[in-house]
Amino acid sequence: MLKIAIIGVGTVGSSVAQILEDNKDIITARAGCELVPTIGVVSNLNKKRDVNIKLTDNIDEVLNDDSIDIVVELMGGVEKPFEVVKKALQKGKAVVTANKALLAYHRYDLQDAAGDVAFEYEAAVAGGIPIINALRDGLGANHILSIKGIMNGTCNYMLTKMINEGVPYDQILKESQELGYAEADPTFDVGGFDAAHKLLILASIAYGIDSKPEDILIEGIENISSADIDFATEFGYSIKLLAIAKKIGSTVELRVHPVFISKDEMIAKVDGVMNGVSVIGDKVGETMYYGPGAGGDATASAVIANIIDIARKGKGSPMLGYQIPLESNLTLASADSIETKYYLRLEVEDKSGVLAKIASILGDKDISIETMMQKPLGTDRANLLIATHICKEVNIKEALKQIENSGVVKAKPAMIRIEA
């Protein structure tokens, strides 16, 4: 028998306790022993929770109890969970977490603290999709060439409704908040930060690269407009918030931002609140992982899968997937070195000479136009919608700065990358 403590008995924590009870027979058969949720730590003992375990507001009751074998950390945040998890590992207790923010900042610290003690985190990335084990174990024979992931269900739900039903951003954000998909302050989701935390975890497994959120390119979906959606529809694109990792020579691109992506791509077909991750290995080619990225039962399912794995082996797999430290010469690529196609939305004066001036600025930066649309905005203005051929990020940024100061645009230019 293994005794389990749950720190943070909210939606996911309650589901963990309930599933361990409801599916006890099959979980015991798969684990090889009984897994018993024994105690839960909460911040408010007066709040009613639908669980049949002892509750406490004192974390030390767990950390100082030698009978507790596995600690499940679901409290959220960064520094406080780091202290708690580190203490649990130092006391020889196995840990399972779903806390992506914790891992985005402290995954290497925790790997050092864990040593041979099991530390698992499948639920931290893409909820119920077993992407951690797929990367760490299933694709272990491969050099990973790229990862592209829809890893935030809130953004994916919002973009799906905006594209399929023409719902404006402000309206769908309000609806998402009412449905519980988005928080009262939605910045963490719609700003791309949630997806970035998950990408950093996957990048450590794939490339052995230690980067923090502040080191990488992160953009959200707040500025997607109906004009962008019209252009995407006209030219066969879908719009997705993608977390992207790409190996380019001896560098790795890590970036999160909205993209235009061909509707024919498998990942472009992932709609609604669902998540999807495409991984390309040098030997296996493309593999695709699809499923629910959030929700109590889906996330709890991944947590319990880790608990079962620990029960079977007595210890965890190497946390980031390497029995021997990876001798990696890979470095993080700068955002300016990105090379891709770009979409530009320019609100311009509707008069002769404007297009020629913009084309001249682009041409001076070695940027050529692939396709273009013009959408009228009243009597004297228009949206000029342009897709470029492949060019350098640094060039497109310099061109946009010049265009903004050219006197022919009426608002700040917008840019979305096109993922080829």
Protein backbone atom coordinates (compact mmCIF):
# COMPACT_ATOMS: atom_id res chain seq x y z
CA MET A 1 0.00 0.00 0.00
CA LEU A 2 1.17 3.51 -0.82
CA LYS A 3 -0.22 6.51 1.06
CA ILE A 4 -0.85 9.68 -0.95
CA ALA A 5 -1.13 13.29 0.20
CA ILE A 6 -2.78 15.90 -2.03
CA ILE A 7 -1.61 19.50 -1.57
CA GLY A 8 -4.31 21.65 -3.13
CA VAL A 9 -7.74 20.00 -3.11
CA GLY A 10 -9.45 22.09 -5.76
CA THR A 11 -11.00 20.84 -9.00
CA VAL A 12 -8.08 18.61 -9.98
CA GLY A 13 -7.18 17.53 -6.44
CA SER A 14 -10.78 16.51 -5.72
CA SER A 15 -10.84 14.54 -8.98
CA VAL A 16 -7.62 12.73 -8.04
CA ALA A 17 -9.10 11.63 -4.71
CA GLN A 18 -12.42 10.65 -6.32
CA ILE A 19 -10.89 8.65 -9.20
CA LEU A 20 -8.58 6.76 -6.82
CA GLU A 21 -11.72 5.74 -4.93
CA ASP A 22 -14.07 5.12 -7.90
CA ASN A 23 -11.56 3.11 -9.99
CA LYS A 24 -9.76 1.46 -7.10
CA ASP A 25 -9.90 -2.08 -8.53
CA ILE A 26 -8.34 -1.35 -11.93
CA ILE A 27 -5.83 1.13 -10.46
CA THR A 28 -4.70 -1.44 -7.87
CA ALA A 29 -4.36 -4.11 -10.57
CA ARG A 30 -2.24 -1.82 -12.74
CA ALA A 31 -0.13 -0.41 -9.91
CA GLY A 32 0.44 -3.75 -8.20
CA CYS A 33 -0.55 -2.31 -4.83
CA GLU A 34 -3.29 -0.25 -3.23
CA LEU A 35 -3.00 3.52 -3.69
CA VAL A 36 -4.69 5.29 -0.78
CA PRO A 37 -5.41 9.05 -0.71
CA THR A 38 -4.86 9.80 2.97
CA ILE A 39 -4.77 13.54 3.56
CA GLY A 40 -5.40 16.77 1.68
CA VAL A 41 -3.93 20.22 2.35
CA VAL A 42 -6.18 23.22 1.73
CA SER A 43 -5.96 26.95 2.43
CA ASN A 44 -9.56 27.22 3.69
CA LEU A 45 -10.93 24.46 5.91
CA ASN A 46 -14.39 26.05 5.93
CA LYS A 47 -14.91 25.53 2.20
CA LYS A 48 -16.93 22.40 1.42
CA ARG A 49 -15.10 19.81 -0.69
CA ASP A 50 -16.51 16.58 -2.07
CA VAL A 51 -13.75 14.25 -0.84
CA ASN A 52 -13.54 11.44 1.71
CA ILE A 53 -10.09 12.23 3.10
CA LYS A 54 -8.82 14.12 6.11
CA LEU A 55 -8.20 17.80 5.37
CA THR A 56 -5.68 20.12 7.01
CA ASP A 57 -4.34 23.61 6.42
CA ASN A 58 -0.89 22.67 7.75
CA ILE A 59 1.54 21.47 5.06
CA ASP A 60 3.94 20.24 7.75
CA GLU A 61 1.45 17.50 8.63
CA VAL A 62 2.34 16.01 5.26
CA LEU A 63 6.04 16.84 5.08
CA ASN A 64 6.75 15.49 8.58
CA ASP A 65 4.64 12.34 8.25
CA ASP A 66 6.98 9.46 7.42
CA SER A 67 4.04 7.27 6.41
CA ILE A 68 3.23 9.45 3.37
CA ASP A 69 4.85 7.90 0.29
CA ILE A 70 3.72 10.21 -2.54
CA VAL A 71 2.96 13.94 -2.47
CA VAL A 72 0.70 15.33 -5.21
CA GLU A 73 1.31 19.08 -5.58
CA LEU A 74 -1.63 20.98 -7.07
CA MET A 75 -1.44 24.28 -5.21
CA GLY A 76 -0.39 26.52 -8.12
CA GLY A 77 2.09 29.38 -8.09
CA VAL A 78 5.88 29.19 -8.28
CA GLU A 79 8.01 29.94 -5.23
CA LYS A 80 5.85 28.46 -2.44
CA PRO A 81 5.31 25.18 -4.34
CA PHE A 82 9.04 25.08 -5.07
CA GLU A 83 9.82 25.20 -1.35
CA VAL A 84 7.21 22.52 -0.57
CA VAL A 85 8.21 20.15 -3.40
CA LYS A 86 11.92 20.52 -2.64
CA LYS A 87 11.33 19.65 1.05
CA ALA A 88 9.20 16.64 0.10
CA LEU A 89 11.92 15.34 -2.23
CA GLN A 90 14.62 15.91 0.40
CA LYS A 91 12.58 13.79 2.79
CA GLY A 92 12.50 10.98 0.22
CA LYS A 93 8.85 11.37 -0.73
CA ALA A 94 7.95 10.87 -4.39
CA VAL A 95 6.26 13.90 -5.96
CA VAL A 96 3.72 14.29 -8.74
CA THR A 97 2.81 17.79 -9.92
CA ALA A 98 0.59 19.45 -12.52
CA ASN A 99 2.23 22.84 -11.97
CA LYS A 100 3.65 24.10 -15.27
CA ALA A 101 4.67 27.51 -13.86
CA LEU A 102 6.76 25.79 -11.19
CA LEU A 103 8.54 23.72 -13.84
CA ALA A 104 8.97 26.63 -16.25
CA TYR A 105 11.20 28.30 -13.64
CA HIS A 106 12.58 25.48 -11.48
CA ARG A 107 12.68 22.23 -13.48
CA TYR A 108 16.47 21.91 -13.36
CA ASP A 109 16.61 22.82 -9.66
CA LEU A 110 14.03 20.14 -8.94
CA GLN A 111 15.81 17.58 -11.08
CA ASP A 112 18.91 18.14 -8.93
CA ALA A 113 16.86 17.96 -5.72
CA ALA A 114 15.08 14.77 -6.79
CA GLY A 115 18.14 12.64 -7.53
CA ASP A 116 16.82 9.06 -7.46
CA VAL A 117 13.53 10.07 -5.83
CA ALA A 118 10.57 9.90 -8.23
CA PHE A 119 9.39 13.24 -9.58
CA GLU A 120 6.71 13.13 -12.28
CA TYR A 121 4.74 15.86 -14.06
CA GLU A 122 2.74 14.48 -17.01
CA ALA A 123 -0.29 16.62 -16.13
CA ALA A 124 1.71 19.85 -16.35
CA VAL A 125 1.56 19.91 -20.17
CA ALA A 126 -1.61 19.40 -22.25
CA GLY A 127 -3.72 17.90 -19.47
CA GLY A 128 -4.81 14.40 -20.38
CA ILE A 129 -2.45 14.02 -23.37
CA PRO A 130 0.57 11.82 -22.47
CA ILE A 131 3.04 14.08 -24.30
CA ILE A 132 5.73 14.00 -21.59
CA ASN A 133 6.07 10.21 -21.74
CA ALA A 134 5.82 10.26 -25.53
CA LEU A 135 8.76 12.67 -25.80
CA ARG A 136 10.81 11.27 -22.93
CA ASP A 137 10.29 7.56 -23.60
CA GLY A 138 8.36 6.74 -26.77
CA LEU A 139 10.50 8.96 -28.99
CA GLY A 140 13.72 8.38 -27.08
CA ALA A 141 15.58 7.10 -30.15
CA ASN A 142 14.97 10.31 -32.10
CA HIS A 143 16.55 13.70 -32.43
CA ILE A 144 13.50 15.99 -32.22
CA LEU A 145 13.37 18.32 -35.21
CA SER A 146 10.31 20.30 -34.19
CA ILE A 147 7.38 20.55 -31.81
CA LYS A 148 4.23 22.50 -32.64
CA GLY A 149 1.53 22.57 -30.02
CA ILE A 150 -1.92 23.97 -29.35
CA MET A 151 -1.48 23.93 -25.59
CA ASN A 152 -4.10 26.39 -24.35
CA GLY A 153 -7.72 25.36 -24.70
CA THR A 154 -9.05 28.83 -23.86
CA CYS A 155 -7.28 30.45 -26.81
CA ASN A 156 -8.18 27.59 -29.12
CA TYR A 157 -11.86 27.81 -28.14
CA MET A 158 -11.89 31.56 -28.70
CA LEU A 159 -10.15 31.41 -32.08
CA THR A 160 -12.42 28.57 -33.25
CA LYS A 161 -15.53 30.60 -32.45
CA MET A 162 -14.08 33.75 -34.02
CA ILE A 163 -13.27 31.90 -37.26
CA ASN A 164 -16.27 29.57 -37.55
CA GLU A 165 -18.99 31.88 -36.24
CA GLY A 166 -17.58 35.37 -36.73
CA VAL A 167 -17.81 36.22 -33.02
CA PRO A 168 -15.75 39.34 -32.17
CA TYR A 169 -12.83 38.97 -29.74
CA ASP A 170 -14.39 40.99 -26.88
CA GLN A 171 -17.64 39.03 -27.08
CA ILE A 172 -16.01 35.59 -27.13
CA LEU A 173 -13.69 36.55 -24.28
CA LYS A 174 -16.72 37.48 -22.15
CA GLU A 175 -18.42 34.21 -23.09
CA SER A 176 -15.27 32.23 -22.25
CA GLN A 177 -15.15 33.86 -18.83
CA GLU A 178 -18.82 33.04 -18.21
CA LEU A 179 -18.19 29.39 -19.19
CA GLY A 180 -15.17 29.19 -16.89
CA TYR A 181 -12.65 28.71 -19.72
CA ALA A 182 -11.02 32.10 -19.07
CA GLU A 183 -10.21 33.75 -15.73
CA ALA A 184 -11.47 37.19 -14.68
CA ASP A 185 -7.94 38.36 -15.60
CA PRO A 186 -7.37 36.32 -18.78
CA THR A 187 -3.84 37.60 -19.50
CA PHE A 188 -2.07 34.36 -18.57
CA ASP A 189 -4.09 32.44 -21.18
CA VAL A 190 -4.76 34.92 -24.01
CA GLY A 191 -1.31 36.49 -23.65
CA GLY A 192 0.39 33.18 -24.46
CA PHE A 193 2.17 32.74 -21.09
CA ASP A 194 0.43 29.49 -20.14
CA ALA A 195 1.46 27.88 -23.44
CA ALA A 196 5.00 29.25 -23.05
CA HIS A 197 5.47 27.53 -19.69
CA LYS A 198 4.48 24.22 -21.25
CA LEU A 199 6.74 24.73 -24.25
CA LEU A 200 9.77 25.30 -22.01
CA ILE A 201 9.15 21.97 -20.27
CA LEU A 202 8.96 20.10 -23.59
CA ALA A 203 12.06 21.90 -24.88
CA SER A 204 14.09 20.66 -21.91
CA ILE A 205 13.10 17.07 -22.68
CA ALA A 206 13.64 17.40 -26.43
CA TYR A 207 16.81 19.51 -26.46
CA GLY A 208 18.24 19.75 -22.95
CA ILE A 209 17.92 23.54 -23.15
CA ASP A 210 17.38 25.60 -20.00
CA SER A 211 15.40 28.75 -20.78
CA LYS A 212 12.95 30.83 -18.77
CA PRO A 213 9.75 32.52 -20.02
CA GLU A 214 11.57 35.87 -20.11
CA ASP A 215 14.07 34.46 -22.62
CA ILE A 216 11.64 33.55 -25.41
CA LEU A 217 9.23 35.21 -27.84
CA ILE A 218 5.69 35.27 -26.42
CA GLU A 219 2.71 36.96 -28.09
CA GLY A 220 -1.02 36.48 -27.48
CA ILE A 221 -4.25 36.58 -29.45
CA GLU A 222 -5.57 39.92 -28.17
CA ASN A 223 -5.09 41.75 -31.48
CA ILE A 224 -6.67 39.22 -33.88
CA SER A 225 -9.29 41.06 -35.95
CA SER A 226 -12.11 40.16 -38.33
CA ALA A 227 -9.90 41.37 -41.21
CA ASP A 228 -7.25 38.79 -40.26
CA ILE A 229 -9.89 36.08 -40.24
CA ASP A 230 -11.20 37.16 -43.66
CA PHE A 231 -7.70 36.92 -45.10
CA ALA A 232 -7.12 33.51 -43.52
CA THR A 233 -10.40 32.20 -44.94
CA GLU A 234 -9.69 33.60 -48.41
CA PHE A 235 -6.26 31.99 -48.67
CA GLY A 236 -6.90 28.63 -46.99
CA TYR A 237 -5.42 29.28 -43.55
CA SER A 238 -6.56 28.62 -40.01
CA ILE A 239 -5.40 30.85 -37.14
CA LYS A 240 -3.97 29.10 -34.09
CA LEU A 241 -1.95 30.10 -31.05
CA LEU A 242 1.02 27.76 -31.45
CA ALA A 243 3.88 26.94 -29.12
CA ILE A 244 6.79 26.17 -31.45
CA ALA A 245 10.19 24.58 -30.90
CA LYS A 246 12.46 24.08 -33.91
CA LYS A 247 16.01 22.83 -34.18
CA ILE A 248 17.85 25.03 -36.69
CA GLY A 249 21.48 23.93 -36.98
CA SER A 250 23.02 24.33 -33.55
CA THR A 251 20.23 26.60 -32.29
CA VAL A 252 16.68 26.05 -31.07
CA GLU A 253 13.82 28.45 -31.76
CA LEU A 254 11.34 28.68 -28.88
CA ARG A 255 8.34 30.89 -29.50
CA VAL A 256 4.63 31.24 -28.74
CA HIS A 257 2.41 33.40 -30.93
CA PRO A 258 -0.62 33.33 -33.25
CA VAL A 259 0.08 31.83 -36.67
CA PHE A 260 -1.60 31.39 -40.00
CA ILE A 261 -1.31 27.70 -40.78
CA SER A 262 -2.66 25.78 -43.76
CA LYS A 263 -6.05 24.18 -43.10
CA ASP A 264 -4.58 20.97 -44.53
CA GLU A 265 -2.14 20.60 -41.61
CA MET A 266 -3.24 18.04 -39.02
CA ILE A 267 -2.81 20.48 -36.14
CA ALA A 268 -5.01 23.08 -37.88
CA LYS A 269 -7.94 20.69 -37.45
CA VAL A 270 -7.71 20.79 -33.62
CA ASP A 271 -10.69 22.96 -32.63
CA GLY A 272 -12.59 24.09 -29.55
CA VAL A 273 -11.08 23.54 -26.12
CA MET A 274 -9.02 20.58 -27.29
CA ASN A 275 -5.21 20.50 -27.36
CA GLY A 276 -2.94 18.97 -30.00
CA VAL A 277 0.81 18.52 -30.26
CA SER A 278 2.75 17.61 -33.42
CA VAL A 279 6.27 16.23 -32.93
CA ILE A 280 8.68 15.51 -35.78
CA GLY A 281 11.54 13.11 -35.04
CA ASP A 282 14.45 12.48 -37.38
CA LYS A 283 13.65 8.75 -37.58
CA VAL A 284 9.93 8.41 -36.89
CA GLY A 285 8.72 11.46 -38.84
CA GLU A 286 5.60 13.26 -37.61
CA THR A 287 3.55 11.97 -34.69
CA MET A 288 0.41 13.72 -33.47
CA TYR A 289 -1.13 13.80 -29.99
CA TYR A 290 -4.69 15.01 -29.39
CA GLY A 291 -6.96 15.30 -26.38
CA PRO A 292 -8.37 17.43 -23.58
CA GLY A 293 -5.85 19.93 -22.27
CA ALA A 294 -7.61 20.83 -19.05
CA GLY A 295 -10.46 19.86 -16.75
CA GLY A 296 -10.52 18.05 -13.44
CA ASP A 297 -10.86 14.46 -14.62
CA ALA A 298 -8.55 14.76 -17.64
CA THR A 299 -5.73 16.34 -15.62
CA ALA A 300 -6.33 13.98 -12.68
CA SER A 301 -6.06 11.04 -15.08
CA ALA A 302 -2.52 12.14 -15.99
CA VAL A 303 -1.64 12.65 -12.30
CA ILE A 304 -2.79 9.14 -11.42
CA ALA A 305 -0.93 7.65 -14.40
CA ASN A 306 2.25 9.07 -12.84
CA ILE A 307 1.33 7.65 -9.43
CA ILE A 308 0.79 4.21 -10.98
CA ASP A 309 4.14 4.45 -12.75
CA ILE A 310 5.90 5.25 -9.47
CA ALA A 311 4.15 2.35 -7.74
CA ARG A 312 5.28 -0.07 -10.46
CA LYS A 313 8.91 0.98 -10.58
CA GLY A 314 9.57 2.13 -7.04
CA LYS A 315 11.11 5.24 -8.53
CA GLY A 316 10.42 7.56 -11.44
CA SER A 317 11.91 7.82 -14.88
CA PRO A 318 14.78 10.33 -15.25
CA MET A 319 12.94 13.61 -14.79
CA LEU A 320 13.94 15.24 -18.08
CA GLY A 321 14.64 11.97 -19.84
CA TYR A 322 18.43 11.61 -19.62
CA GLN A 323 20.18 8.91 -17.56
CA ILE A 324 23.48 10.64 -18.38
CA PRO A 325 23.57 14.46 -18.63
CA LEU A 326 23.05 15.46 -22.25
CA GLU A 327 26.17 16.94 -23.82
CA SER A 328 24.19 19.50 -25.78
CA ASN A 329 25.80 22.28 -27.79
CA LEU A 330 22.41 23.72 -28.67
CA THR A 331 21.74 27.35 -27.83
CA LEU A 332 18.59 29.45 -27.85
CA ALA A 333 18.06 31.28 -31.15
CA SER A 334 17.26 34.98 -31.01
CA ALA A 335 13.81 36.06 -32.14
CA ASP A 336 15.39 38.25 -34.83
CA SER A 337 16.87 35.17 -36.54
CA ILE A 338 13.45 33.62 -37.30
CA GLU A 339 12.82 33.06 -41.00
CA THR A 340 9.25 32.50 -42.12
CA LYS A 341 6.44 34.09 -44.12
CA TYR A 342 4.54 37.03 -42.62
CA TYR A 343 1.06 38.50 -42.82
CA LEU A 344 0.70 42.27 -42.43
CA ARG A 345 -2.46 44.26 -41.71
CA LEU A 346 -2.02 47.93 -42.59
CA GLU A 347 -4.73 50.52 -42.15
CA VAL A 348 -3.93 53.02 -44.90
CA GLU A 349 -5.24 56.05 -46.72
CA ASP A 350 -7.21 54.86 -49.73
CA LYS A 351 -5.40 56.88 -52.39
CA SER A 352 -2.92 56.38 -55.20
CA GLY A 353 0.76 55.94 -54.38
CA VAL A 354 0.22 54.25 -50.98
CA LEU A 355 0.81 50.70 -52.19
CA ALA A 356 3.89 51.75 -54.16
CA LYS A 357 5.40 53.39 -51.09
CA ILE A 358 4.78 50.32 -48.92
CA ALA A 359 6.11 47.96 -51.60
CA SER A 360 9.23 50.13 -51.87
CA ILE A 361 9.87 49.94 -48.12
CA LEU A 362 9.41 46.18 -48.14
CA GLY A 363 11.64 45.80 -51.19
CA ASP A 364 14.43 47.79 -49.55
CA LYS A 365 14.42 45.18 -46.76
CA ASP A 366 14.54 42.29 -49.24
CA ILE A 367 10.88 41.39 -48.57
CA SER A 368 8.69 40.37 -51.50
CA ILE A 369 4.88 40.23 -51.53
CA GLU A 370 3.22 36.87 -52.20
CA THR A 371 -0.49 37.76 -51.93
CA MET A 372 -2.55 40.84 -51.12
CA MET A 373 -6.13 41.88 -50.32
CA GLN A 374 -7.70 45.29 -49.79
CA LYS A 375 -10.76 45.73 -47.56
CA PRO A 376 -12.46 49.16 -47.56
CA LEU A 377 -12.90 50.98 -44.23
CA GLY A 378 -15.30 53.83 -44.92
CA THR A 379 -14.72 56.30 -47.74
CA ASP A 380 -11.06 57.27 -47.36
CA ARG A 381 -9.37 54.34 -45.63
CA ALA A 382 -8.75 50.66 -46.28
CA ASN A 383 -7.13 47.64 -44.68
CA LEU A 384 -4.25 46.49 -46.84
CA LEU A 385 -3.65 42.80 -46.09
CA ILE A 386 -0.34 41.41 -47.31
CA ALA A 387 1.38 38.02 -47.13
CA THR A 388 5.11 37.95 -47.81
CA HIS A 389 7.48 35.31 -49.07
CA ILE A 390 9.97 33.91 -46.53
CA CYS A 391 12.11 36.62 -44.98
CA LYS A 392 13.98 37.40 -41.79
CA GLU A 393 12.21 38.57 -38.64
CA VAL A 394 14.68 41.41 -38.15
CA ASN A 395 13.88 42.70 -41.65
CA ILE A 396 10.11 42.59 -41.21
CA LYS A 397 10.39 44.45 -37.90
CA GLU A 398 12.53 47.19 -39.44
CA ALA A 399 10.14 47.47 -42.40
CA LEU A 400 7.10 47.76 -40.12
CA LYS A 401 8.82 50.53 -38.15
CA GLN A 402 9.45 52.44 -41.36
CA ILE A 403 5.90 51.85 -42.60
CA GLU A 404 4.49 53.11 -39.28
CA ASN A 405 6.51 56.32 -39.66
CA SER A 406 5.83 56.72 -43.40
CA GLY A 407 2.75 58.91 -43.07
CA VAL A 408 0.50 56.57 -45.08
CA VAL A 409 -0.78 54.33 -42.25
CA LYS A 410 -3.52 55.46 -39.89
CA ALA A 411 -2.88 52.94 -37.09
CA LYS A 412 -0.08 50.77 -35.75
CA PRO A 413 0.62 47.94 -38.27
CA ALA A 414 -0.25 44.38 -37.20
CA MET A 415 1.82 41.31 -38.05
CA ILE A 416 1.13 37.57 -37.78
CA ARG A 417 3.65 34.89 -38.73
CA ILE A 418 2.71 32.28 -41.33
CA GLU A 419 3.92 28.83 -40.32
CA ALA A 420 5.04 27.12 -43.52
